[in-house]
Every structure is written in structure tokens, then in C-alpha cells.
Amino acid sequence: QPTNQPTKSMSQQDQTVVVGPTAHTKMLLHACQNPYTQVHGALLGSFGTRSSGGGGPELTITDAIPVFHSSPTKPLLDMALQLIEAHTTNSSSGGGGGVVGWYSANERLGDDDRPGQAALRVVGGIAAGLEGMGKAPPTHSEPVAVLVSNSGAVDVLGGDSNGVADLKVFGRDRVNRQQWIKMYATEHIKCSRKVVREVCSDADAPSIYDFEDHLDGGAENLATRDWLTNLVVTNLVRKSA
């Protein structure tokens, strides 16, 4: 199989990725509210072991922090990651775990095969950063790159159930560790789709804010453009669960 194409992960030792409803909703909502641009954000969660199916590594993604609705630039990326790190280490606010990956949605409708190079560079940096800080994941576990499928997002907004995956989860190739082409088995909660449809169809519904929105809002909007928690969206997910 060509090395530049995604490959299905089959080994029992490969990690399973579980995407919680809050993370799932925020990723979809970020993409749906910025339909004409690429979007990027950080994934929070924890590494563990599957409780069934013979054990094996499991990555649970509990939250997503929207960062960009344009191509990432290094100065803003570094600033955002520092703020996210401070947020996750604060015991009063960091209940979602540490940074375990990066999500993105490509700009063009139908461009759903794999994340763009910018997203892959960021998640590669996250993986290297965890190792450099002595926080390397357990054996057979690793940070992931999640691609929000534009076609899947359209499916969500239309209320269809055509079987189009709205998320694809990528890890590094076993042989060439520079290639993010391995696709992980994924589990996530479908109630997220209902929340996204309701928010996007209601003109009075709350927006989801990313780091760029936070910077563009000026001092008078710092309190309302809460990009680190998007607590209003989080509460909507909790009510719908």
C-alpha cells in the first residue's frame, strides 16, 4: 500500500481513541461556524488502558480548545499553546486533562482525506514537546491528529444519516515516524450532532470562540469571548446528554 495513503490500524496493541461529547461538539461547531476557512484547535484528554476487548491502550479526548480560523502562524501558535498549558495545569480549570493532540478542518469542501501540512506540523511538535518535557505517553500510545470532515459536517447540518464520518483520527506510521497516515478506530457520542444542528440553526444561539476571536474582540470582549472553555457550549452539551 502506498506510504502516502492512510492505513487502517489493526493490531490489538494500537490505541483506541474515544472522543467525548464536549470535544466532538466543539470541533464540529468550530468547523461549521467557519465554513469558508480552515480551522485548528488543541485536544485535551488522557492516556489509559481499555477496560474491555483484551485491554490495550486507549486515548480519551474530553475537550477541544478552538485556536485558529486561518492558517496558524508560529508566534500566535506558541502563545496559544502556552496559555493552554497554563490552563490545563490550573487545578481549578484544567479538568479536561493535558494536550493530547490537534484537530483541524480543511478549507475546501470534499478535502477530507487527511489533515493539511500545517496541522501535521503542529501535532508533530506536540508529540515532540511531550517527550521533551518528560510527559511521553505510555507504550503504544501517542498524540493524534483529528480531521473534521467537511462532508461529514454538511451531513450533520442537513440532519442526514448517510454514514459519512465527521471525524478521522490519524497517528504516526509504524515505520516512518514522520508520516501521519495511520487511522485509528474511533468511538464518539452521537448527541453532539443534535447540539451542533440546534446551535447553527438558531440565530440567537451562542457562538464558539477561538483564540483569534479572543484577540480580535478587544479589551471590552475579553470576558465574553472565552476561548479556553467556551463554557456556554459545554453547558449545552451537558444539558443534552
Protein backbone atom coordinates (compact mmCIF):
# COMPACT_ATOMS: atom_id res chain seq x y z
CA GLN A 1 0.00 0.00 0.00
CA PRO A 2 1.43 3.45 -0.88
CA THR A 3 3.06 5.10 2.12
CA ASN A 4 1.34 8.41 1.49
CA GLN A 5 -2.15 6.98 1.95
CA PRO A 6 -3.98 6.44 5.26
CA THR A 7 -3.80 2.89 6.57
CA LYS A 8 -6.24 1.16 8.91
CA SER A 9 -4.78 0.21 12.27
CA MET A 10 -5.38 -3.49 13.04
CA SER A 11 -3.07 -4.50 15.90
CA GLN A 12 -4.65 -5.13 19.28
CA GLN A 13 -1.85 -3.03 20.76
CA ASP A 14 -2.87 0.04 18.74
CA GLN A 15 -4.63 2.61 20.83
CA THR A 16 -8.36 3.15 20.56
CA VAL A 17 -9.49 6.77 20.54
CA VAL A 18 -12.65 7.76 22.43
CA VAL A 19 -14.00 11.24 21.64
CA GLY A 20 -16.26 12.63 24.35
CA PRO A 21 -19.38 14.66 23.51
CA THR A 22 -17.92 18.03 24.57
CA ALA A 23 -14.83 17.64 22.39
CA HIS A 24 -16.87 16.27 19.48
CA THR A 25 -19.36 19.13 19.63
CA LYS A 26 -16.74 21.87 19.84
CA MET A 27 -14.76 20.52 16.90
CA LEU A 28 -17.85 20.25 14.70
CA LEU A 29 -19.20 23.62 15.79
CA HIS A 30 -15.88 25.36 15.17
CA ALA A 31 -15.82 23.99 11.62
CA CYS A 32 -19.50 24.72 10.93
CA GLN A 33 -19.29 28.31 12.16
CA ASN A 34 -16.25 28.97 9.92
CA PRO A 35 -17.37 27.25 6.71
CA TYR A 36 -15.07 29.13 4.31
CA THR A 37 -11.76 28.79 6.14
CA GLN A 38 -9.59 26.13 7.69
CA VAL A 39 -9.88 25.74 11.45
CA HIS A 40 -7.45 24.45 14.06
CA GLY A 41 -7.52 23.65 17.76
CA ALA A 42 -6.00 21.69 20.62
CA LEU A 43 -7.35 18.46 22.06
CA LEU A 44 -7.37 17.73 25.78
CA GLY A 45 -7.60 14.31 27.33
CA SER A 46 -5.69 11.44 28.89
CA PHE A 47 -3.96 8.19 28.00
CA GLY A 48 -5.11 4.97 29.63
CA THR A 49 -5.99 1.31 29.09
CA ARG A 50 -9.14 -0.15 27.57
CA SER A 51 -11.42 -1.74 30.12
CA SER A 52 -12.67 -4.34 27.62
CA GLY A 53 -11.58 -6.12 24.47
CA GLY A 54 -8.41 -7.54 25.95
CA GLY A 55 -7.06 -4.27 27.25
CA GLY A 56 -4.66 -2.26 25.14
CA PRO A 57 -4.00 1.48 25.06
CA GLU A 58 -6.84 3.98 24.94
CA LEU A 59 -6.80 7.73 24.39
CA THR A 60 -9.82 9.58 25.76
CA ILE A 61 -10.37 13.06 24.31
CA THR A 62 -12.55 15.01 26.71
CA ASP A 63 -12.37 18.60 25.45
CA ALA A 64 -11.31 20.73 22.49
CA ILE A 65 -9.96 24.28 22.55
CA PRO A 66 -10.52 26.22 19.30
CA VAL A 67 -7.42 28.22 18.34
CA PHE A 68 -7.45 29.40 14.70
CA HIS A 69 -9.86 30.00 11.86
CA SER A 70 -7.00 30.68 9.45
CA SER A 71 -3.58 29.19 8.78
CA PRO A 72 -1.57 29.01 12.03
CA THR A 73 1.36 31.37 12.50
CA LYS A 74 4.19 30.41 14.83
CA PRO A 75 4.08 33.43 17.17
CA LEU A 76 0.33 33.08 17.80
CA LEU A 77 0.58 29.29 17.98
CA ASP A 78 3.32 29.45 20.60
CA MET A 79 1.33 31.99 22.62
CA ALA A 80 -1.85 29.92 22.42
CA LEU A 81 -0.12 26.70 23.46
CA GLN A 82 1.48 28.43 26.43
CA LEU A 83 -1.91 29.72 27.56
CA ILE A 84 -3.47 26.29 27.06
CA GLU A 85 -0.69 24.66 29.08
CA ALA A 86 -1.25 27.13 31.91
CA HIS A 87 -4.99 26.49 31.71
CA THR A 88 -4.63 22.71 31.92
CA THR A 89 -2.21 22.82 34.84
CA ASN A 90 -4.50 25.10 36.85
CA SER A 91 -6.30 22.75 39.20
CA SER A 92 -9.41 24.92 39.25
CA SER A 93 -9.91 24.94 35.48
CA GLY A 94 -7.92 22.15 33.90
CA GLY A 95 -10.31 19.26 34.38
CA GLY A 96 -10.09 18.18 30.76
CA GLY A 97 -6.59 16.70 31.06
CA GLY A 98 -3.44 17.61 29.16
CA VAL A 99 -2.88 18.35 25.48
CA VAL A 100 -3.10 15.05 23.60
CA GLY A 101 -3.43 16.18 20.00
CA TRP A 102 -4.55 18.73 17.44
CA TYR A 103 -7.67 18.97 15.29
CA SER A 104 -8.27 20.74 12.02
CA ALA A 105 -10.73 21.09 9.17
CA ASN A 106 -9.51 21.80 5.67
CA GLU A 107 -10.69 24.83 3.75
CA ARG A 108 -12.21 23.14 0.70
CA LEU A 109 -15.42 21.09 0.78
CA GLY A 110 -14.58 17.49 -0.04
CA ASP A 111 -10.94 17.80 1.03
CA ASP A 112 -11.44 15.09 3.65
CA ASP A 113 -8.61 12.64 3.00
CA ARG A 114 -6.08 13.83 5.55
CA PRO A 115 -5.04 16.88 7.61
CA GLY A 116 -3.06 19.65 5.93
CA GLN A 117 0.67 20.10 6.45
CA ALA A 118 0.19 22.93 8.96
CA ALA A 119 -1.89 20.69 11.25
CA LEU A 120 0.59 17.82 10.92
CA ARG A 121 3.50 20.08 11.85
CA VAL A 122 1.64 21.25 14.95
CA VAL A 123 0.77 17.75 16.17
CA GLY A 124 4.34 16.63 15.47
CA GLY A 125 5.52 19.49 17.66
CA ILE A 126 3.06 18.48 20.39
CA ALA A 127 4.40 14.91 20.34
CA ALA A 128 8.00 16.11 20.49
CA GLY A 129 7.12 18.57 23.26
CA LEU A 130 5.57 15.87 25.45
CA GLU A 131 8.69 13.74 25.09
CA GLY A 132 10.95 16.71 25.78
CA MET A 133 9.06 17.58 28.98
CA GLY A 134 9.24 14.01 30.26
CA LYS A 135 5.49 13.51 29.64
CA ALA A 136 5.80 10.92 26.90
CA PRO A 137 2.63 8.79 26.53
CA PRO A 138 2.67 5.11 27.60
CA THR A 139 3.90 2.41 25.22
CA HIS A 140 1.78 2.11 22.06
CA SER A 141 0.05 5.43 22.85
CA GLU A 142 0.61 8.73 21.10
CA PRO A 143 -0.95 12.14 20.41
CA VAL A 144 -3.28 12.23 17.42
CA ALA A 145 -4.26 14.48 14.55
CA VAL A 146 -8.04 14.68 14.14
CA LEU A 147 -9.51 15.82 10.84
CA VAL A 148 -13.03 17.24 10.93
CA SER A 149 -14.58 16.12 7.65
CA ASN A 150 -16.26 18.96 5.76
CA SER A 151 -18.57 16.47 4.06
CA GLY A 152 -19.44 14.99 7.44
CA ALA A 153 -20.17 18.46 8.81
CA VAL A 154 -22.56 19.12 5.91
CA ASP A 155 -24.20 15.79 6.72
CA VAL A 156 -24.65 16.93 10.32
CA LEU A 157 -26.19 20.27 9.41
CA GLY A 158 -28.57 18.64 6.95
CA GLY A 159 -29.79 16.20 9.55
CA ASP A 160 -28.86 13.29 7.30
CA SER A 161 -27.53 9.91 8.37
CA ASN A 162 -25.63 8.94 5.25
CA GLY A 163 -22.84 7.27 7.16
CA VAL A 164 -20.33 10.00 6.37
CA ALA A 165 -17.71 10.08 9.12
CA ASP A 166 -17.44 13.56 10.61
CA LEU A 167 -14.09 12.80 12.30
CA LYS A 168 -10.98 10.95 11.15
CA VAL A 169 -8.18 10.25 13.61
CA PHE A 170 -4.58 9.89 12.45
CA GLY A 171 -1.41 8.64 14.12
CA ARG A 172 2.17 8.16 13.02
CA ASP A 173 3.19 5.37 10.69
CA ARG A 174 4.96 2.47 12.41
CA VAL A 175 7.96 2.55 10.05
CA ASN A 176 8.28 6.19 9.02
CA ARG A 177 7.55 8.17 12.17
CA GLN A 178 7.45 11.40 10.15
CA GLN A 179 4.33 10.21 8.30
CA TRP A 180 0.93 10.74 9.97
CA ILE A 181 -1.02 8.22 7.90
CA LYS A 182 -2.26 5.57 10.34
CA MET A 183 -6.01 5.78 11.05
CA TYR A 184 -7.28 4.82 14.49
CA ALA A 185 -10.57 3.20 15.40
CA THR A 186 -12.75 5.86 16.99
CA GLU A 187 -15.76 5.97 19.29
CA HIS A 188 -17.82 9.09 19.91
CA ILE A 189 -21.21 10.19 21.16
CA LYS A 190 -23.90 10.98 18.58
CA CYS A 191 -25.76 13.51 20.74
CA SER A 192 -23.10 16.03 19.63
CA ARG A 193 -24.72 16.21 16.20
CA LYS A 194 -28.03 17.32 17.70
CA VAL A 195 -26.39 20.17 19.63
CA VAL A 196 -24.49 21.37 16.55
CA ARG A 197 -27.65 21.42 14.41
CA GLU A 198 -29.57 23.36 17.06
CA VAL A 199 -26.83 25.96 17.54
CA CYS A 200 -26.24 26.51 13.83
CA SER A 201 -29.96 26.85 13.05
CA ASP A 202 -30.70 29.36 15.82
CA ALA A 203 -29.66 32.97 15.19
CA ASP A 204 -29.73 33.64 18.94
CA ALA A 205 -27.65 30.61 19.87
CA PRO A 206 -24.18 31.14 21.37
CA SER A 207 -21.09 31.21 19.20
CA ILE A 208 -17.96 29.21 19.78
CA TYR A 209 -14.84 31.37 20.11
CA ASP A 210 -11.25 30.58 19.21
CA PHE A 211 -8.00 32.31 20.13
CA GLU A 212 -8.18 34.56 17.07
CA ASP A 213 -11.69 35.71 18.05
CA HIS A 214 -10.37 36.42 21.54
CA LEU A 215 -7.58 38.64 20.17
CA ASP A 216 -9.85 40.40 17.66
CA GLY A 217 -12.50 41.23 20.24
CA GLY A 218 -10.57 43.93 22.06
CA ALA A 219 -10.39 44.53 25.79
CA GLU A 220 -14.14 45.04 26.13
CA ASN A 221 -14.87 41.49 24.93
CA LEU A 222 -12.18 39.56 26.78
CA ALA A 223 -14.65 38.26 29.36
CA THR A 224 -17.27 37.11 26.85
CA ARG A 225 -15.01 35.53 24.24
CA ASP A 226 -13.95 32.67 26.47
CA TRP A 227 -11.94 30.60 24.00
CA LEU A 228 -10.30 28.34 26.60
CA THR A 229 -13.51 26.85 27.99
CA ASN A 230 -16.40 28.03 25.77
CA LEU A 231 -18.44 27.28 28.85
CA VAL A 232 -21.78 28.14 27.25
CA VAL A 233 -21.25 25.40 24.65
CA THR A 234 -20.05 22.98 27.32
CA ASN A 235 -23.22 23.56 29.31
CA LEU A 236 -25.39 22.96 26.22
CA VAL A 237 -23.71 19.58 25.73
CA ARG A 238 -24.28 18.65 29.36
CA LYS A 239 -27.97 19.52 29.14
CA SER A 240 -28.45 17.43 26.02
CA ALA A 241 -26.65 14.35 27.32
